[in-house]
Amino acid sequence: MQHQTVFVKANFKPIGKNIAKKVPTGETKKGLFGGDKEVMKEVTEFQQTGYSDSEIDGRRLTEDIQSATEKLESDGYEIVSIMPITSGNHFYEWKANGARMDNHCSGGGGYGYGYGYSYTEGVTIIARKNT
């Protein structure tokens, strides 16, 4: 029995802001001095400024999984399983005021904080060849 394993990468969600702008409607009206004036309407358009560092684009991942499974099935494979692959990230900081940064503190105050999170890096699809 022949197997195929495919990794489908998750992409981070685009981030940005909505920008209002005026666009022509294709219509005209009489202007103040009798000439034709283009009619404009205001539309809101998403302007991407980057990518999230913590949220994946679930819609895109779903479409990419759909494409990968359709390709495998058209090549004669049957999907056996789809497993999420999870990764993580973290950050921490420690500061001391008047204290040494080793195991032997010499007094003073200090603080520390940290956080961590996980996200779906992608999925692994396992398929077997139909015989």
Protein backbone atom coordinates (compact mmCIF):
# COMPACT_ATOMS: atom_id res chain seq x y z
CA MET A 1 0.00 0.00 0.00
CA GLN A 2 1.40 3.39 -0.99
CA HIS A 3 1.06 6.43 1.30
CA GLN A 4 1.47 10.15 0.66
CA THR A 5 2.11 12.81 3.33
CA VAL A 6 1.52 16.50 2.58
CA PHE A 7 2.15 19.52 4.82
CA VAL A 8 -0.14 22.52 4.31
CA LYS A 9 1.31 25.68 5.85
CA ALA A 10 -0.92 28.12 7.73
CA ASN A 11 -0.37 31.80 6.96
CA PHE A 12 -0.82 34.61 9.42
CA LYS A 13 -3.89 36.81 9.06
CA PRO A 14 -3.45 40.08 7.17
CA ILE A 15 -3.89 43.16 9.36
CA GLY A 16 -4.58 46.72 8.33
CA LYS A 17 -7.22 49.41 8.39
CA ASN A 18 -10.28 50.46 6.44
CA ILE A 19 -9.74 53.54 4.29
CA ALA A 20 -12.61 55.65 2.93
CA LYS A 21 -12.14 56.98 -0.58
CA LYS A 22 -14.28 58.51 -3.31
CA VAL A 23 -14.75 56.70 -6.62
CA PRO A 24 -16.74 57.67 -9.73
CA THR A 25 -20.15 56.03 -10.21
CA GLY A 26 -20.13 56.45 -13.99
CA GLU A 27 -22.98 58.96 -13.78
CA THR A 28 -22.83 62.71 -14.33
CA LYS A 29 -24.94 65.63 -13.18
CA LYS A 30 -25.11 69.30 -14.06
CA GLY A 31 -22.57 71.37 -12.19
CA LEU A 32 -22.97 74.85 -10.72
CA PHE A 33 -21.93 76.55 -13.96
CA GLY A 34 -23.90 74.23 -16.31
CA GLY A 35 -21.14 71.74 -17.13
CA ASP A 36 -21.27 68.02 -16.47
CA LYS A 37 -19.85 66.90 -13.17
CA GLU A 38 -18.95 63.30 -12.33
CA VAL A 39 -20.99 61.75 -9.50
CA MET A 40 -18.76 60.26 -6.82
CA LYS A 41 -19.54 57.83 -4.04
CA GLU A 42 -17.58 56.96 -0.93
CA VAL A 43 -16.43 53.37 -0.51
CA THR A 44 -14.44 51.72 2.23
CA GLU A 45 -11.43 49.67 1.18
CA PHE A 46 -9.20 47.46 3.34
CA GLN A 47 -5.55 48.53 3.20
CA GLN A 48 -3.15 45.86 4.44
CA THR A 49 -0.30 47.08 6.62
CA GLY A 50 1.23 43.74 7.61
CA TYR A 51 0.47 40.36 9.14
CA SER A 52 -0.66 39.34 12.61
CA ASP A 53 1.99 37.74 14.81
CA SER A 54 -0.55 35.62 16.68
CA GLU A 55 -3.62 34.88 14.51
CA ILE A 56 -3.62 32.56 11.53
CA ASP A 57 -5.79 33.12 8.47
CA GLY A 58 -8.33 30.33 9.02
CA ARG A 59 -10.22 30.99 5.79
CA ARG A 60 -7.06 30.72 3.69
CA LEU A 61 -5.93 27.58 5.56
CA THR A 62 -9.31 25.97 4.86
CA GLU A 63 -9.01 26.79 1.14
CA ASP A 64 -5.44 25.45 1.03
CA ILE A 65 -6.51 22.20 2.73
CA GLN A 66 -9.37 21.88 0.25
CA SER A 67 -6.96 22.30 -2.68
CA ALA A 68 -4.49 19.77 -1.26
CA THR A 69 -7.15 17.13 -0.56
CA GLU A 70 -8.72 17.58 -4.02
CA LYS A 71 -5.29 17.11 -5.63
CA LEU A 72 -4.60 13.96 -3.60
CA GLU A 73 -8.03 12.52 -4.42
CA SER A 74 -7.63 13.31 -8.15
CA ASP A 75 -4.29 11.44 -8.02
CA GLY A 76 -6.12 8.36 -6.66
CA TYR A 77 -5.43 8.81 -2.94
CA GLU A 78 -7.89 8.45 -0.07
CA ILE A 79 -7.46 10.87 2.86
CA VAL A 80 -6.66 8.91 6.03
CA SER A 81 -6.14 11.78 8.47
CA ILE A 82 -5.54 15.50 8.81
CA MET A 83 -3.52 16.52 11.87
CA PRO A 84 -2.88 20.07 13.07
CA ILE A 85 0.74 21.00 13.74
CA THR A 86 1.05 23.43 16.62
CA SER A 87 3.94 25.79 17.29
CA GLY A 88 4.46 28.35 20.02
CA ASN A 89 6.10 31.61 20.84
CA HIS A 90 7.04 33.34 24.07
CA PHE A 91 8.62 36.43 25.53
CA TYR A 92 9.92 37.23 28.99
CA GLU A 93 11.80 40.00 30.71
CA TRP A 94 13.52 40.26 34.08
CA LYS A 95 14.73 43.51 35.56
CA ALA A 96 16.37 44.16 38.86
CA ASN A 97 16.88 47.46 40.62
CA GLY A 98 20.02 47.31 42.73
CA ALA A 99 20.19 43.51 42.63
CA ARG A 100 22.72 41.32 40.87
CA MET A 101 21.34 39.14 38.06
CA ASP A 102 22.70 35.87 39.48
CA ASN A 103 21.63 33.48 42.24
CA HIS A 104 23.06 35.70 44.98
CA CYS A 105 20.94 38.82 45.12
CA SER A 106 22.44 41.69 47.04
CA GLY A 107 19.16 43.42 47.85
CA GLY A 108 16.94 45.86 46.05
CA GLY A 109 13.77 45.14 44.17
CA GLY A 110 13.02 43.58 40.86
CA TYR A 111 10.29 42.21 38.69
CA GLY A 112 9.77 39.78 35.88
CA TYR A 113 7.00 38.84 33.52
CA GLY A 114 6.43 36.52 30.64
CA TYR A 115 3.83 35.16 28.30
CA GLY A 116 3.49 32.39 25.79
CA TYR A 117 0.99 31.27 23.20
CA SER A 118 0.53 28.56 20.62
CA TYR A 119 -0.79 28.70 17.08
CA THR A 120 -1.51 26.25 14.28
CA GLU A 121 1.56 26.19 12.05
CA GLY A 122 -0.25 24.08 9.49
CA VAL A 123 -1.68 20.63 8.98
CA THR A 124 -0.27 17.30 7.87
CA ILE A 125 -2.45 15.28 5.54
CA ILE A 126 -1.87 11.53 5.31
CA ALA A 127 -3.40 9.71 2.38
CA ARG A 128 -3.20 6.17 0.97
CA LYS A 129 -3.31 5.11 -2.66
CA ASN A 130 -6.50 3.38 -3.69
CA THR A 131 -5.68 0.04 -5.31
